[in-house]
Protein backbone atom coordinates (compact mmCIF):
# COMPACT_ATOMS: atom_id res chain seq x y z
CA MET A 1 -9.87 -7.22 2.49
CA ARG A 2 -13.56 -7.34 1.61
CA VAL A 3 -12.67 -6.48 -1.96
CA PHE A 4 -10.85 -9.83 -2.13
CA ASP A 5 -14.07 -11.58 -1.10
CA LEU A 6 -15.94 -9.68 -3.81
CA ALA A 7 -13.33 -10.61 -6.41
CA SER A 8 -13.49 -14.25 -5.33
CA ILE A 9 -17.28 -14.29 -5.73
CA ALA A 10 -17.45 -12.29 -8.97
CA LEU A 11 -14.61 -13.86 -10.94
CA ARG A 12 -14.68 -17.05 -12.94
CA LYS A 13 -11.69 -19.38 -12.75
CA GLY A 14 -8.84 -17.69 -14.62
CA GLY A 15 -10.44 -14.25 -14.26
CA SER A 16 -8.39 -11.30 -13.04
CA PHE A 17 -8.89 -8.47 -10.58
CA TYR A 18 -6.68 -5.41 -10.93
CA GLY A 19 -5.95 -3.04 -8.08
CA ILE A 20 -4.14 0.25 -8.43
CA ASN A 21 -2.94 2.61 -5.76
CA PHE A 22 -2.21 6.23 -6.50
CA THR A 23 -0.34 7.74 -3.59
CA PRO A 24 -0.67 11.54 -3.78
CA TYR A 25 1.30 12.51 -0.67
CA VAL A 26 4.46 10.48 -1.14
CA GLU A 27 6.24 13.44 -2.69
CA TYR A 28 5.62 15.49 0.46
CA ALA A 29 6.96 12.76 2.69
CA PHE A 30 10.16 12.53 0.65
CA GLN A 31 10.67 16.28 0.48
CA TYR A 32 10.20 16.65 4.22
CA ASP A 33 13.01 14.40 5.42
CA ASP A 34 14.74 13.03 2.33
CA GLY A 35 12.75 9.81 2.44
CA GLU A 36 13.32 8.69 6.04
CA ILE A 37 9.58 8.48 6.81
CA MET A 38 8.92 6.53 3.62
CA ARG A 39 11.75 4.12 4.44
CA ARG A 40 10.19 3.53 7.88
CA ILE A 41 6.80 2.96 6.27
CA ALA A 42 8.29 0.54 3.73
CA GLU A 43 10.07 -1.38 6.51
CA MET A 44 6.83 -1.70 8.46
CA ASN A 45 5.04 -2.88 5.30
CA VAL A 46 7.59 -5.69 4.99
CA ALA A 47 7.04 -6.62 8.65
CA TYR A 48 3.30 -6.74 7.93
CA ALA A 49 3.84 -9.04 4.93
CA LEU A 50 5.91 -11.35 7.14
CA GLY A 51 3.17 -11.47 9.78
CA LYS A 52 5.23 -9.52 12.31
CA ALA A 53 2.91 -6.47 12.43
CA ASP A 54 -0.84 -6.09 12.75
CA LEU A 55 -1.11 -3.19 10.28
CA PRO A 56 0.90 -2.14 7.24
CA GLY A 57 3.24 0.77 7.91
CA GLY A 58 1.66 2.77 5.12
CA TYR A 59 -1.67 2.89 6.91
CA LEU A 60 -1.48 6.10 8.88
CA GLN A 61 -4.42 7.04 11.04
CA LYS A 62 -4.31 8.82 14.38
CA ASP A 63 -6.03 6.12 16.43
CA LEU A 64 -5.33 2.91 14.53
CA GLY A 65 -2.22 3.31 12.40
CA PRO A 66 1.12 1.82 13.40
CA PHE A 67 2.62 5.28 14.00
CA GLY A 68 -0.45 6.46 15.94
CA ILE A 69 -0.55 9.74 14.00
CA THR A 70 -1.72 10.97 10.61
CA LEU A 71 0.60 11.72 7.71
CA LYS A 72 -0.02 15.42 8.32
CA GLN A 73 1.19 15.07 11.90
CA LEU A 74 4.05 12.75 10.98
CA ILE A 75 5.64 15.14 8.53
CA GLN A 76 4.25 18.31 10.13
CA ARG A 77 3.04 19.79 6.85
CA THR A 78 0.02 22.00 7.46
CA ASP A 79 -0.60 22.37 3.72
CA ILE A 80 -1.46 18.68 3.22
CA ALA A 81 -5.16 17.98 2.88
CA ASP A 82 -6.17 15.68 5.68
CA ASP A 83 -9.94 15.37 5.46
CA ASP A 84 -10.39 11.96 7.04
CA GLY A 85 -7.05 11.69 8.81
CA THR A 86 -5.90 8.63 6.90
CA PHE A 87 -3.25 7.81 4.33
CA ILE A 88 -2.12 4.54 2.88
CA TYR A 89 1.03 3.81 0.95
CA MET A 90 0.32 0.51 -0.74
CA ASP A 91 3.24 -1.47 -2.05
CA ALA A 92 3.97 -5.13 -2.82
CA PRO A 93 4.43 -6.15 0.85
CA THR A 94 1.13 -4.43 1.76
CA VAL A 95 -0.78 -6.44 -0.85
CA GLU A 96 1.04 -9.65 0.11
CA GLY A 97 0.19 -9.09 3.77
CA LEU A 98 -3.46 -8.26 3.02
CA LEU A 99 -3.78 -11.34 0.83
CA GLU A 100 -2.24 -13.53 3.56
CA LYS A 101 -4.62 -12.15 6.20
CA TRP A 102 -7.54 -12.62 3.81
CA SER A 103 -6.48 -16.22 3.24
CA MET A 104 -6.41 -16.80 7.00
CA THR A 105 -9.95 -15.41 7.35
CA ARG A 106 -11.09 -17.67 4.52
CA ASN A 107 -9.72 -20.71 6.35
CA VAL A 108 -11.53 -19.68 9.55
CA ARG A 109 -14.76 -19.30 7.56
CA GLY A 110 -14.27 -22.70 5.91
CA LEU A 111 -13.82 -21.14 2.48
CA GLU A 112 -11.25 -21.88 -0.18
CA THR A 113 -8.49 -19.38 -0.87
CA ASP A 114 -8.89 -19.07 -4.61
CA LEU A 115 -7.04 -15.85 -5.46
CA ARG A 116 -3.34 -15.58 -6.22
CA LEU A 117 -1.15 -12.54 -6.73
CA VAL A 118 0.19 -13.04 -10.24
CA GLU A 119 1.55 -9.63 -11.14
CA GLY A 120 2.54 -6.39 -9.49
CA PHE A 121 4.67 -3.43 -10.42
CA TYR A 122 5.49 0.11 -9.39
CA PHE A 123 5.16 3.02 -11.77
CA SER A 124 5.19 6.75 -11.98
CA PRO A 125 3.53 8.38 -15.00
CA ASP A 126 5.77 10.76 -16.96
CA ARG A 127 3.51 13.72 -16.21
CA ILE A 128 4.04 13.11 -12.49
CA THR A 129 7.71 12.20 -12.74
CA ALA A 130 8.50 15.51 -14.41
CA PHE A 131 7.47 17.41 -11.27
CA ASN A 132 8.07 14.95 -8.49
CA LYS A 133 11.29 14.77 -6.50
CA PHE A 134 10.27 11.32 -5.28
CA VAL A 135 11.64 9.68 -8.43
CA SER A 136 14.96 11.50 -8.43
CA GLY A 137 17.98 11.43 -6.21
CA GLU A 138 20.10 8.57 -4.97
CA LYS A 139 18.29 8.19 -1.64
CA ALA A 140 14.77 7.96 -3.09
CA LEU A 141 12.94 4.68 -3.53
CA HIS A 142 13.04 5.28 -7.27
CA ASN A 143 9.76 4.97 -9.11
CA ARG A 144 7.78 3.45 -6.22
CA GLU A 145 5.09 6.06 -6.10
CA ASN A 146 2.17 4.02 -7.42
CA TYR A 147 1.54 0.31 -7.35
CA LEU A 148 -0.56 -1.89 -9.63
CA PHE A 149 -1.34 -5.51 -8.89
CA ARG A 150 -3.32 -8.32 -10.49
CA LEU A 151 -5.01 -11.14 -8.64
CA GLN A 152 -6.23 -14.18 -10.53
CA LYS A 153 -8.86 -16.68 -9.52
CA VAL A 154 -7.49 -20.21 -9.56
């Protein structure tokens, strides 16, 4: 959430901050159990956006994440690089929830909430789509591999 503070300080009124999330391990999660883990993560992200969860479901870290285990442990894939033990699947509810929590901290600090989410979309570049099962099949969350959002200072 500190990046929101930085954007608030650095931007002029009307200026934009773009955030992009590339999610390299989503394909593995979908291949492992036909998307069940990703559906659980997405559901928890929605709960986070609604203020019903302390952390987004896509934040997986052994000690702090909502599942209490890393992605590697969750899908039991020993071939997944897991250097720092964390993984985040950022989607629209994750950003909405982060922005809401940031706004609450601004209020506590006596600061104005001057950023608004004005645009967000999911995408999967063609070069990834060609090889990735995540964007095919009826049960997949089609084309929700990467997320781009734009905040604007008001």
